[in-house]
Structures are given as C-alpha cells and as structure tokens.
C-alpha cells in the first residue's frame, strides 16, 4: 500500500478538476472549489506543498479513498 505524501497545490488542483470540481472563488491565499453533491466546499491553500492532513481531510470530504486517489494521481 502506498502512502500519502505532500504534493504541490497545483497538482492537487489538477486532481480536483479531473474529478469534476470547479474553482468557485479565491480569497487571500486560499482557493475554494465546488462540486455538486458536496456538503461544503473544498478549500486548499496556495502553499508550495500541501500537508498530508489537508489532503486527507479533502479526500474524506470528497468521499474518495486513499488508494483510489493515488491511482488517479498516476493518471494525471
């Protein structure tokens, strides 16, 4: 089983677009994405690397497992 690792925010943004999220707005150094069926928006900071806890929290919100996420990242 592969492990989660910090990735650049732009790579995570590509992943969000791949699964159907749209950029809703930008506030300060945070970007807010939305997709139908979500309880709340996905928020990511524009730091160079996203920490694992932010990735894990957003995956939980999106209803995507870690293995599924890692497989999708390989396709991008």
PDB file of N, CA and C in Angstrom:
ATOM      1  N   UNK A   1       0.839  -1.182   0.000  1.00  0.00           N
ATOM      2  CA  UNK A   1       0.000   0.000   0.000  1.00  0.00           C
ATOM      3  C   UNK A   1       0.883   1.243   0.000  1.00  0.00           C
ATOM      4  N   UNK A   2       0.627   2.138  -0.912  1.00  0.00           N
ATOM      5  CA  UNK A   2       1.377   3.384  -0.984  1.00  0.00           C
ATOM      6  C   UNK A   2       0.913   4.328   0.111  1.00  0.00           C
ATOM      7  N   UNK A   3       1.758   5.266   0.420  1.00  0.00           N
ATOM      8  CA  UNK A   3       1.423   6.227   1.464  1.00  0.00           C
ATOM      9  C   UNK A   3       1.199   7.598   0.854  1.00  0.00           C
ATOM     10  N   UNK A   4       0.394   8.374   1.544  1.00  0.00           N
ATOM     11  CA  UNK A   4       0.184   9.759   1.128  1.00  0.00           C
ATOM     12  C   UNK A   4       1.455  10.550   1.384  1.00  0.00           C
ATOM     13  N   UNK A   5       1.719  11.481   0.514  1.00  0.00           N
ATOM     14  CA  UNK A   5       2.875  12.360   0.668  1.00  0.00           C
ATOM     15  C   UNK A   5       2.443  13.767   0.277  1.00  0.00           C
ATOM     16  N   UNK A   6       3.093  14.781   0.834  1.00  0.00           N
ATOM     17  CA  UNK A   6       2.762  16.153   0.426  1.00  0.00           C
ATOM     18  C   UNK A   6       2.997  16.336  -1.070  1.00  0.00           C
ATOM     19  N   UNK A   7       2.088  17.071  -1.725  1.00  0.00           N
ATOM     20  CA  UNK A   7       2.250  17.376  -3.146  1.00  0.00           C
ATOM     21  C   UNK A   7       2.026  18.868  -3.349  1.00  0.00           C
ATOM     22  N   UNK A   8       2.465  19.369  -4.490  1.00  0.00           N
ATOM     23  CA  UNK A   8       2.287  20.779  -4.819  1.00  0.00           C
ATOM     24  C   UNK A   8       0.801  21.067  -4.997  1.00  0.00           C
ATOM     25  N   UNK A   9       0.374  22.250  -4.612  1.00  0.00           N
ATOM     26  CA  UNK A   9      -1.054  22.574  -4.672  1.00  0.00           C
ATOM     27  C   UNK A   9      -1.585  22.544  -6.098  1.00  0.00           C
ATOM     28  N   UNK A  10      -0.745  22.853  -7.088  1.00  0.00           N
ATOM     29  CA  UNK A  10      -1.210  22.830  -8.485  1.00  0.00           C
ATOM     30  C   UNK A  10      -1.524  21.397  -8.942  1.00  0.00           C
ATOM     31  N   UNK A  11      -0.754  20.438  -8.469  1.00  0.00           N
ATOM     32  CA  UNK A  11      -1.028  19.033  -8.804  1.00  0.00           C
ATOM     33  C   UNK A  11      -2.357  18.605  -8.172  1.00  0.00           C
ATOM     34  N   UNK A  12      -2.613  19.033  -6.935  1.00  0.00           N
ATOM     35  CA  UNK A  12      -3.887  18.704  -6.287  1.00  0.00           C
ATOM     36  C   UNK A  12      -5.032  19.414  -6.999  1.00  0.00           C
ATOM     37  N   UNK A  13      -4.781  20.620  -7.499  1.00  0.00           N
ATOM     38  CA  UNK A  13      -5.802  21.338  -8.261  1.00  0.00           C
ATOM     39  C   UNK A  13      -6.151  20.564  -9.539  1.00  0.00           C
ATOM     40  N   UNK A  14      -5.149  20.017 -10.223  1.00  0.00           N
ATOM     41  CA  UNK A  14      -5.411  19.201 -11.413  1.00  0.00           C
ATOM     42  C   UNK A  14      -6.281  18.001 -11.055  1.00  0.00           C
ATOM     43  N   UNK A  15      -5.999  17.398  -9.904  1.00  0.00           N
ATOM     44  CA  UNK A  15      -6.803  16.271  -9.432  1.00  0.00           C
ATOM     45  C   UNK A  15      -8.250  16.708  -9.202  1.00  0.00           C
ATOM     46  N   UNK A  16      -8.449  17.873  -8.583  1.00  0.00           N
ATOM     47  CA  UNK A  16      -9.807  18.368  -8.328  1.00  0.00           C
ATOM     48  C   UNK A  16     -10.557  18.612  -9.633  1.00  0.00           C
ATOM     49  N   UNK A  17      -9.897  19.187 -10.623  1.00  0.00           N
ATOM     50  CA  UNK A  17     -10.539  19.400 -11.924  1.00  0.00           C
ATOM     51  C   UNK A  17     -10.857  18.055 -12.588  1.00  0.00           C
ATOM     52  N   UNK A  18      -9.982  17.078 -12.422  1.00  0.00           N
ATOM     53  CA  UNK A  18     -10.162  15.751 -13.011  1.00  0.00           C
ATOM     54  C   UNK A  18     -11.430  15.073 -12.484  1.00  0.00           C
ATOM     55  N   UNK A  19     -11.738  15.279 -11.196  1.00  0.00           N
ATOM     56  CA  UNK A  19     -12.914  14.627 -10.612  1.00  0.00           C
ATOM     57  C   UNK A  19     -14.168  15.486 -10.725  1.00  0.00           C
ATOM     58  N   UNK A  20     -14.073  16.632 -11.386  1.00  0.00           N
ATOM     59  CA  UNK A  20     -15.265  17.422 -11.673  1.00  0.00           C
ATOM     60  C   UNK A  20     -15.496  18.638 -10.801  1.00  0.00           C
ATOM     61  N   UNK A  21     -14.540  19.018  -9.989  1.00  0.00           N
ATOM     62  CA  UNK A  21     -14.687  20.230  -9.173  1.00  0.00           C
ATOM     63  C   UNK A  21     -14.410  21.461 -10.032  1.00  0.00           C
ATOM     64  N   UNK A  22     -15.016  22.559  -9.663  1.00  0.00           N
ATOM     65  CA  UNK A  22     -14.801  23.828 -10.357  1.00  0.00           C
ATOM     66  C   UNK A  22     -14.297  24.859  -9.360  1.00  0.00           C
ATOM     67  N   UNK A  23     -13.409  25.730  -9.834  1.00  0.00           N
ATOM     68  CA  UNK A  23     -12.918  26.819  -8.993  1.00  0.00           C
ATOM     69  C   UNK A  23     -14.057  27.804  -8.798  1.00  0.00           C
ATOM     70  N   UNK A  24     -14.467  27.966  -7.556  1.00  0.00           N
ATOM     71  CA  UNK A  24     -15.580  28.861  -7.253  1.00  0.00           C
ATOM     72  C   UNK A  24     -15.086  30.278  -6.992  1.00  0.00           C
ATOM     73  N   UNK A  25     -14.052  30.388  -6.157  1.00  0.00           N
ATOM     74  CA  UNK A  25     -13.513  31.711  -5.849  1.00  0.00           C
ATOM     75  C   UNK A  25     -12.133  31.557  -5.209  1.00  0.00           C
ATOM     76  N   UNK A  26     -11.487  32.707  -5.051  1.00  0.00           N
ATOM     77  CA  UNK A  26     -10.174  32.752  -4.428  1.00  0.00           C
ATOM     78  C   UNK A  26     -10.220  33.838  -3.370  1.00  0.00           C
ATOM     79  N   UNK A  27      -9.768  33.519  -2.181  1.00  0.00           N
ATOM     80  CA  UNK A  27      -9.795  34.503  -1.102  1.00  0.00           C
ATOM     81  C   UNK A  27      -8.442  34.468  -0.399  1.00  0.00           C
ATOM     82  N   UNK A  28      -7.713  35.560  -0.507  1.00  0.00           N
ATOM     83  CA  UNK A  28      -6.376  35.590   0.072  1.00  0.00           C
ATOM     84  C   UNK A  28      -5.488  34.568  -0.618  1.00  0.00           C
ATOM     85  N   UNK A  29      -4.880  33.686   0.179  1.00  0.00           N
ATOM     86  CA  UNK A  29      -4.035  32.654  -0.417  1.00  0.00           C
ATOM     87  C   UNK A  29      -4.720  31.287  -0.422  1.00  0.00           C
ATOM     88  N   UNK A  30      -6.054  31.268  -0.361  1.00  0.00           N
ATOM     89  CA  UNK A  30      -6.816  30.023  -0.407  1.00  0.00           C
ATOM     90  C   UNK A  30      -7.695  29.987  -1.650  1.00  0.00           C
ATOM     91  N   UNK A  31      -7.825  28.801  -2.222  1.00  0.00           N
ATOM     92  CA  UNK A  31      -8.703  28.604  -3.378  1.00  0.00           C
ATOM     93  C   UNK A  31      -9.841  27.692  -2.944  1.00  0.00           C
ATOM     94  N   UNK A  32     -11.049  28.035  -3.379  1.00  0.00           N
ATOM     95  CA  UNK A  32     -12.248  27.320  -2.975  1.00  0.00           C
ATOM     96  C   UNK A  32     -12.862  26.667  -4.210  1.00  0.00           C
ATOM     97  N   UNK A  33     -13.095  25.348  -4.120  1.00  0.00           N
ATOM     98  CA  UNK A  33     -13.637  24.553  -5.219  1.00  0.00           C
ATOM     99  C   UNK A  33     -14.976  23.967  -4.801  1.00  0.00           C
ATOM    100  N   UNK A  34     -15.836  23.724  -5.787  1.00  0.00           N
ATOM    101  CA  UNK A  34     -17.164  23.194  -5.518  1.00  0.00           C
ATOM    102  C   UNK A  34     -17.503  22.124  -6.540  1.00  0.00           C
ATOM    103  N   UNK A  35     -18.292  21.157  -6.107  1.00  0.00           N
ATOM    104  CA  UNK A  35     -18.817  20.103  -6.976  1.00  0.00           C
ATOM    105  C   UNK A  35     -20.192  19.722  -6.443  1.00  0.00           C
ATOM    106  N   UNK A  36     -21.102  19.405  -7.345  1.00  0.00           N
ATOM    107  CA  UNK A  36     -22.445  19.007  -6.925  1.00  0.00           C
ATOM    108  C   UNK A  36     -22.355  17.790  -6.005  1.00  0.00           C
ATOM    109  N   UNK A  37     -23.178  17.795  -4.971  1.00  0.00           N
ATOM    110  CA  UNK A  37     -23.225  16.667  -4.053  1.00  0.00           C
ATOM    111  C   UNK A  37     -22.328  16.806  -2.839  1.00  0.00           C
ATOM    112  N   UNK A  38     -21.547  17.868  -2.753  1.00  0.00           N
ATOM    113  CA  UNK A  38     -20.682  18.066  -1.589  1.00  0.00           C
ATOM    114  C   UNK A  38     -21.426  18.829  -0.504  1.00  0.00           C
ATOM    115  N   UNK A  39     -21.108  18.521   0.750  1.00  0.00           N
ATOM    116  CA  UNK A  39     -21.746  19.211   1.869  1.00  0.00           C
ATOM    117  C   UNK A  39     -21.157  20.602   2.083  1.00  0.00           C
ATOM    118  N   UNK A  40     -19.882  20.747   1.727  1.00  0.00           N
ATOM    119  CA  UNK A  40     -19.215  22.046   1.868  1.00  0.00           C
ATOM    120  C   UNK A  40     -18.135  22.144   0.802  1.00  0.00           C
ATOM    121  N   UNK A  41     -17.641  23.342   0.535  1.00  0.00           N
ATOM    122  CA  UNK A  41     -16.611  23.483  -0.500  1.00  0.00           C
ATOM    123  C   UNK A  41     -15.267  22.892  -0.070  1.00  0.00           C
ATOM    124  N   UNK A  42     -14.451  22.579  -1.059  1.00  0.00           N
ATOM    125  CA  UNK A  42     -13.087  22.096  -0.836  1.00  0.00           C
ATOM    126  C   UNK A  42     -12.184  23.320  -0.837  1.00  0.00           C
ATOM    127  N   UNK A  43     -11.411  23.493   0.219  1.00  0.00           N
ATOM    128  CA  UNK A  43     -10.541  24.660   0.358  1.00  0.00           C
ATOM    129  C   UNK A  43      -9.096  24.181   0.440  1.00  0.00           C
ATOM    130  N   UNK A  44      -8.235  24.754  -0.414  1.00  0.00           N
ATOM    131  CA  UNK A  44      -6.811  24.428  -0.334  1.00  0.00           C
ATOM    132  C   UNK A  44      -6.003  25.725  -0.311  1.00  0.00           C
ATOM    133  N   UNK A  45      -4.945  25.754   0.489  1.00  0.00           N
ATOM    134  CA  UNK A  45      -4.067  26.929   0.497  1.00  0.00           C
ATOM    135  C   UNK A  45      -3.117  26.876  -0.692  1.00  0.00           C
ATOM    136  N   UNK A  46      -2.681  28.046  -1.128  1.00  0.00           N
ATOM    137  CA  UNK A  46      -1.713  28.108  -2.227  1.00  0.00           C
ATOM    138  C   UNK A  46      -0.300  28.122  -1.666  1.00  0.00           C
ATOM    139  N   UNK A  47       0.017  27.137  -0.843  1.00  0.00           N
ATOM    140  CA  UNK A  47       1.385  26.948  -0.368  1.00  0.00           C
ATOM    141  C   UNK A  47       2.101  26.071  -1.380  1.00  0.00           C
ATOM    142  N   UNK A  48       3.418  26.010  -1.286  1.00  0.00           N
ATOM    143  CA  UNK A  48       4.152  25.208  -2.259  1.00  0.00           C
ATOM    144  C   UNK A  48       3.776  23.730  -2.174  1.00  0.00           C
ATOM    145  N   UNK A  49       3.680  23.172  -0.980  1.00  0.00           N
ATOM    146  CA  UNK A  49       3.307  21.762  -0.824  1.00  0.00           C
ATOM    147  C   UNK A  49       2.162  21.652   0.174  1.00  0.00           C
ATOM    148  N   UNK A  50       1.146  20.879  -0.200  1.00  0.00           N
ATOM    149  CA  UNK A  50       0.016  20.667   0.702  1.00  0.00           C
ATOM    150  C   UNK A  50       0.384  19.583   1.707  1.00  0.00           C
ATOM    151  N   UNK A  51       0.201  19.843   2.998  1.00  0.00           N
ATOM    152  CA  UNK A  51       0.474  18.808   4.002  1.00  0.00           C
ATOM    153  C   UNK A  51      -0.495  17.634   3.862  1.00  0.00           C
ATOM    154  N   UNK A  52      -0.087  16.489   4.351  1.00  0.00           N
ATOM    155  CA  UNK A  52      -0.887  15.271   4.249  1.00  0.00           C
ATOM    156  C   UNK A  52      -2.239  15.437   4.929  1.00  0.00           C
ATOM    157  N   UNK A  53      -2.305  16.134   6.068  1.00  0.00           N
ATOM    158  CA  UNK A  53      -3.584  16.250   6.774  1.00  0.00           C
ATOM    159  C   UNK A  53      -4.612  17.030   5.955  1.00  0.00           C
ATOM    160  N   UNK A  54      -4.192  17.996   5.158  1.00  0.00           N
ATOM    161  CA  UNK A  54      -5.132  18.739   4.302  1.00  0.00           C
ATOM    162  C   UNK A  54      -5.615  17.836   3.166  1.00  0.00           C
ATOM    163  N   UNK A  55      -4.712  17.077   2.577  1.00  0.00           N
ATOM    164  CA  UNK A  55      -5.099  16.146   1.512  1.00  0.00           C
ATOM    165  C   UNK A  55      -6.086  15.124   2.055  1.00  0.00           C
ATOM    166  N   UNK A  56      -5.779  14.544   3.213  1.00  0.00           N
ATOM    167  CA  UNK A  56      -6.645  13.519   3.807  1.00  0.00           C
ATOM    168  C   UNK A  56      -8.027  14.086   4.142  1.00  0.00           C
ATOM    169  N   UNK A  57      -8.091  15.279   4.717  1.00  0.00           N
ATOM    170  CA  UNK A  57      -9.385  15.892   5.052  1.00  0.00           C
ATOM    171  C   UNK A  57     -10.213  16.152   3.798  1.00  0.00           C
ATOM    172  N   UNK A  58      -9.579  16.619   2.734  1.00  0.00           N
ATOM    173  CA  UNK A  58     -10.313  16.889   1.496  1.00  0.00           C
ATOM    174  C   UNK A  58     -10.762  15.597   0.820  1.00  0.00           C
ATOM    175  N   UNK A  59      -9.966  14.543   0.896  1.00  0.00           N
ATOM    176  CA  UNK A  59     -10.387  13.254   0.339  1.00  0.00           C
ATOM    177  C   UNK A  59     -11.602  12.721   1.092  1.00  0.00           C
ATOM    178  N   UNK A  60     -11.610  12.882   2.402  1.00  0.00           N
ATOM    179  CA  UNK A  60     -12.757  12.453   3.203  1.00  0.00           C
ATOM    180  C   UNK A  60     -14.005  13.229   2.795  1.00  0.00           C
ATOM    181  N   UNK A  61     -13.870  14.524   2.591  1.00  0.00           N
ATOM    182  CA  UNK A  61     -14.992  15.357   2.160  1.00  0.00           C
ATOM    183  C   UNK A  61     -15.507  14.913   0.791  1.00  0.00           C
ATOM    184  N   UNK A  62     -14.593  14.562  -0.108  1.00  0.00           N
ATOM    185  CA  UNK A  62     -14.962  14.150  -1.464  1.00  0.00           C
ATOM    186  C   UNK A  62     -15.466  12.709  -1.532  1.00  0.00           C
ATOM    187  N   UNK A  63     -15.249  11.938  -0.476  1.00  0.00           N
ATOM    188  CA  UNK A  63     -15.679  10.541  -0.472  1.00  0.00           C
ATOM    189  C   UNK A  63     -14.793   9.647  -1.322  1.00  0.00           C
ATOM    190  N   UNK A  64     -13.506   9.966  -1.386  1.00  0.00           N
ATOM    191  CA  UNK A  64     -12.548   9.211  -2.198  1.00  0.00           C
ATOM    192  C   UNK A  64     -11.528   8.560  -1.267  1.00  0.00           C
ATOM    193  N   UNK A  65     -11.274   7.271  -1.475  1.00  0.00           N
ATOM    194  CA  UNK A  65     -10.295   6.545  -0.679  1.00  0.00           C
ATOM    195  C   UNK A  65      -8.872   6.897  -1.087  1.00  0.00           C
ATOM    196  N   UNK A  66      -7.940   6.580  -0.216  1.00  0.00           N
ATOM    197  CA  UNK A  66      -6.534   6.918  -0.464  1.00  0.00           C
ATOM    198  C   UNK A  66      -5.992   6.161  -1.674  1.00  0.00           C
ATOM    199  N   UNK A  67      -6.292   4.861  -1.760  1.00  0.00           N
ATOM    200  CA  UNK A  67      -5.800   4.072  -2.898  1.00  0.00           C
ATOM    201  C   UNK A  67      -6.368   4.592  -4.219  1.00  0.00           C
ATOM    202  N   UNK A  68      -7.655   4.917  -4.213  1.00  0.00           N
ATOM    203  CA  UNK A  68      -8.297   5.456  -5.419  1.00  0.00           C
ATOM    204  C   UNK A  68      -7.654   6.785  -5.818  1.00  0.00           C
ATOM    205  N   UNK A  69      -7.369   7.627  -4.827  1.00  0.00           N
ATOM    206  CA  UNK A  69      -6.712   8.918  -5.064  1.00  0.00           C
ATOM    207  C   UNK A  69      -5.331   8.714  -5.687  1.00  0.00           C
ATOM    208  N   UNK A  70      -4.556   7.786  -5.133  1.00  0.00           N
ATOM    209  CA  UNK A  70      -3.209   7.550  -5.646  1.00  0.00           C
ATOM    210  C   UNK A  70      -3.245   7.013  -7.075  1.00  0.00           C
ATOM    211  N   UNK A  71      -4.234   6.169  -7.390  1.00  0.00           N
ATOM    212  CA  UNK A  71      -4.379   5.679  -8.761  1.00  0.00           C
ATOM    213  C   UNK A  71      -4.703   6.824  -9.718  1.00  0.00           C
ATOM    214  N   UNK A  72      -5.578   7.734  -9.296  1.00  0.00           N
ATOM    215  CA  UNK A  72      -5.934   8.880 -10.142  1.00  0.00           C
ATOM    216  C   UNK A  72      -4.734   9.792 -10.350  1.00  0.00           C
ATOM    217  N   UNK A  73      -3.922   9.976  -9.310  1.00  0.00           N
ATOM    218  CA  UNK A  73      -2.732  10.828  -9.435  1.00  0.00           C
ATOM    219  C   UNK A  73      -1.769  10.272 -10.476  1.00  0.00           C
ATOM    220  N   UNK A  74      -1.659   8.955 -10.546  1.00  0.00           N
ATOM    221  CA  UNK A  74      -0.760   8.344 -11.536  1.00  0.00           C
ATOM    222  C   UNK A  74      -1.234   8.627 -12.956  1.00  0.00           C
ATOM    223  N   UNK A  75      -2.552   8.749 -13.155  1.00  0.00           N
ATOM    224  CA  UNK A  75      -3.108   9.017 -14.484  1.00  0.00           C
ATOM    225  C   UNK A  75      -2.894  10.456 -14.930  1.00  0.00           C
ATOM    226  N   UNK A  76      -2.704  11.365 -13.992  1.00  0.00           N
ATOM    227  CA  UNK A  76      -2.556  12.789 -14.345  1.00  0.00           C
ATOM    228  C   UNK A  76      -1.175  13.089 -14.867  1.00  0.00           C
TER     229      UNK A  76
END
